[in-house]
Protein backbone atom coordinates (compact mmCIF):
# COMPACT_ATOMS: atom_id res chain seq x y z
CA MET A 1 21.44 -36.44 1.62
CA ALA A 2 20.33 -32.95 0.25
CA SER A 3 22.35 -29.98 2.53
CA SER A 4 23.13 -26.43 2.19
CA GLY A 5 20.16 -25.71 -0.14
CA GLN A 6 20.30 -28.29 -2.53
CA GLY A 7 17.82 -31.03 -3.06
CA SER A 8 18.32 -34.57 -3.73
CA ARG A 9 19.46 -34.97 -7.41
CA GLY A 10 21.94 -31.98 -6.75
CA HIS A 11 20.70 -29.35 -8.62
CA PRO A 12 20.23 -25.91 -5.71
CA ARG A 13 17.52 -24.35 -5.95
CA SER A 14 16.83 -21.66 -8.80
CA ARG A 15 17.62 -17.98 -7.35
CA GLY A 16 13.28 -16.86 -8.45
CA ARG A 17 12.53 -19.26 -5.91
CA THR A 18 14.46 -18.23 -2.83
CA TRP A 19 12.45 -15.63 -1.85
CA SER A 20 10.93 -15.07 2.09
CA ARG A 21 7.17 -16.48 1.84
CA THR A 22 5.87 -14.97 5.47
CA GLY A 23 5.18 -11.49 4.20
CA PRO A 24 2.35 -9.77 2.06
CA ASP A 25 2.65 -9.64 -1.60
CA ARG A 26 2.46 -6.98 -3.00
CA ALA A 27 -0.98 -7.46 -5.40
CA THR A 28 -2.90 -7.84 -1.25
CA LEU A 29 -1.11 -4.27 0.01
CA ALA A 30 -2.48 -3.23 -3.03
CA VAL A 31 -5.42 -4.14 -2.64
CA VAL A 32 -5.65 -3.39 1.08
CA GLY A 33 -4.85 -0.02 0.14
CA VAL A 34 -7.15 0.92 -2.63
CA ILE A 35 -10.08 -0.81 0.24
CA CYS A 36 -8.72 1.54 3.27
CA ALA A 37 -8.35 4.84 0.68
CA VAL A 38 -11.73 3.59 -0.36
CA ALA A 39 -13.70 3.22 2.91
CA GLY A 40 -11.27 6.46 4.40
CA PHE A 41 -13.48 8.68 2.13
CA PHE A 42 -16.49 7.77 5.04
CA VAL A 43 -14.75 7.76 7.69
CA LEU A 44 -11.79 8.08 9.59
CA GLY A 45 -9.93 9.54 6.25
CA ILE A 46 -7.45 11.18 8.69
CA VAL A 47 -6.66 8.01 9.54
CA LEU A 48 -6.96 5.90 6.42
CA GLY A 49 -5.30 8.49 4.60
CA PRO A 50 -1.97 7.31 5.01
CA VAL A 51 -1.92 3.42 6.00
CA ALA A 52 -3.56 3.60 2.38
CA ILE A 53 -0.22 6.03 1.11
CA VAL A 54 2.17 3.90 3.11
CA CYS A 55 -0.19 0.10 1.58
CA GLY A 56 0.64 1.88 -2.12
CA ARG A 57 3.98 2.91 -2.16
CA LEU A 58 4.90 -1.24 -0.13
CA ALA A 59 3.10 -2.47 -2.51
CA MET A 60 4.60 -0.74 -6.03
CA GLY A 61 7.89 -1.53 -4.98
CA ARG A 62 11.70 0.27 -5.02
CA SER A 63 11.36 2.04 -7.69
CA TRP A 64 8.61 4.82 -9.02
CA ALA A 65 10.44 3.87 -12.73
CA GLY A 66 9.45 0.93 -15.38
CA SER A 67 5.61 -1.11 -15.26
CA ARG A 68 3.92 -0.67 -11.62
CA PRO A 69 0.75 -2.54 -10.93
CA VAL A 70 -2.80 -0.58 -11.60
CA PRO A 71 -3.68 -1.20 -7.79
CA ALA A 72 -0.85 0.62 -6.18
CA VAL A 73 -1.40 3.53 -7.62
CA VAL A 74 -4.81 3.66 -7.91
CA ALA A 75 -4.31 3.38 -3.25
CA LEU A 76 -1.51 6.08 -3.72
CA VAL A 77 -3.12 8.33 -5.28
CA LEU A 78 -7.22 8.18 -3.22
CA GLY A 79 -4.67 8.17 -0.46
CA ILE A 80 -3.14 11.19 -1.12
CA ILE A 81 -7.07 12.76 -1.90
CA ASP A 82 -8.00 10.63 1.00
CA THR A 83 -5.37 12.08 4.03
CA VAL A 84 -5.44 15.98 2.05
CA LEU A 85 -9.30 15.75 2.39
CA ALA A 86 -9.48 15.00 5.77
CA VAL A 87 -6.56 17.59 6.69
CA LEU A 88 -8.58 20.33 5.16
CA GLY A 89 -12.29 19.32 6.58
CA LEU A 90 -10.27 19.55 10.25
CA ILE A 91 -8.96 23.41 9.16
CA GLY A 92 -12.19 23.81 8.00
CA ALA A 93 -13.69 22.11 11.84
CA ALA A 94 -11.49 24.29 13.72
CA THR A 95 -11.66 27.99 11.94
CA PRO A 96 -14.47 30.09 13.57
CA GLY A 97 -17.69 30.38 11.12
CA TYR A 98 -19.18 27.21 9.47
CA GLY A 99 -16.38 25.47 8.41
CA MET A 100 -16.03 23.38 4.68
CA PHE A 101 -19.86 21.86 4.70
């Protein structure tokens, strides 16, 4: 009989295979972040920019050191640019005159 995480042969599961499979993985979060950042340049940048930042940060993992996936960094940088441009657009629209554009 198998009990307490051991298979029928009596060998415990390896440490690399015990992760939770219910949450989204990092590659998916990075791609979602890039899509939100690119879409944010056209519509709802004030909303999609921070979403891209959060997705990019979660996809990068816990540390800034070491190798990071390129889509995660792209999502983070584009999300920051997108958010800054949206805030500048709102500031320009709120001031009297012609606005930003």
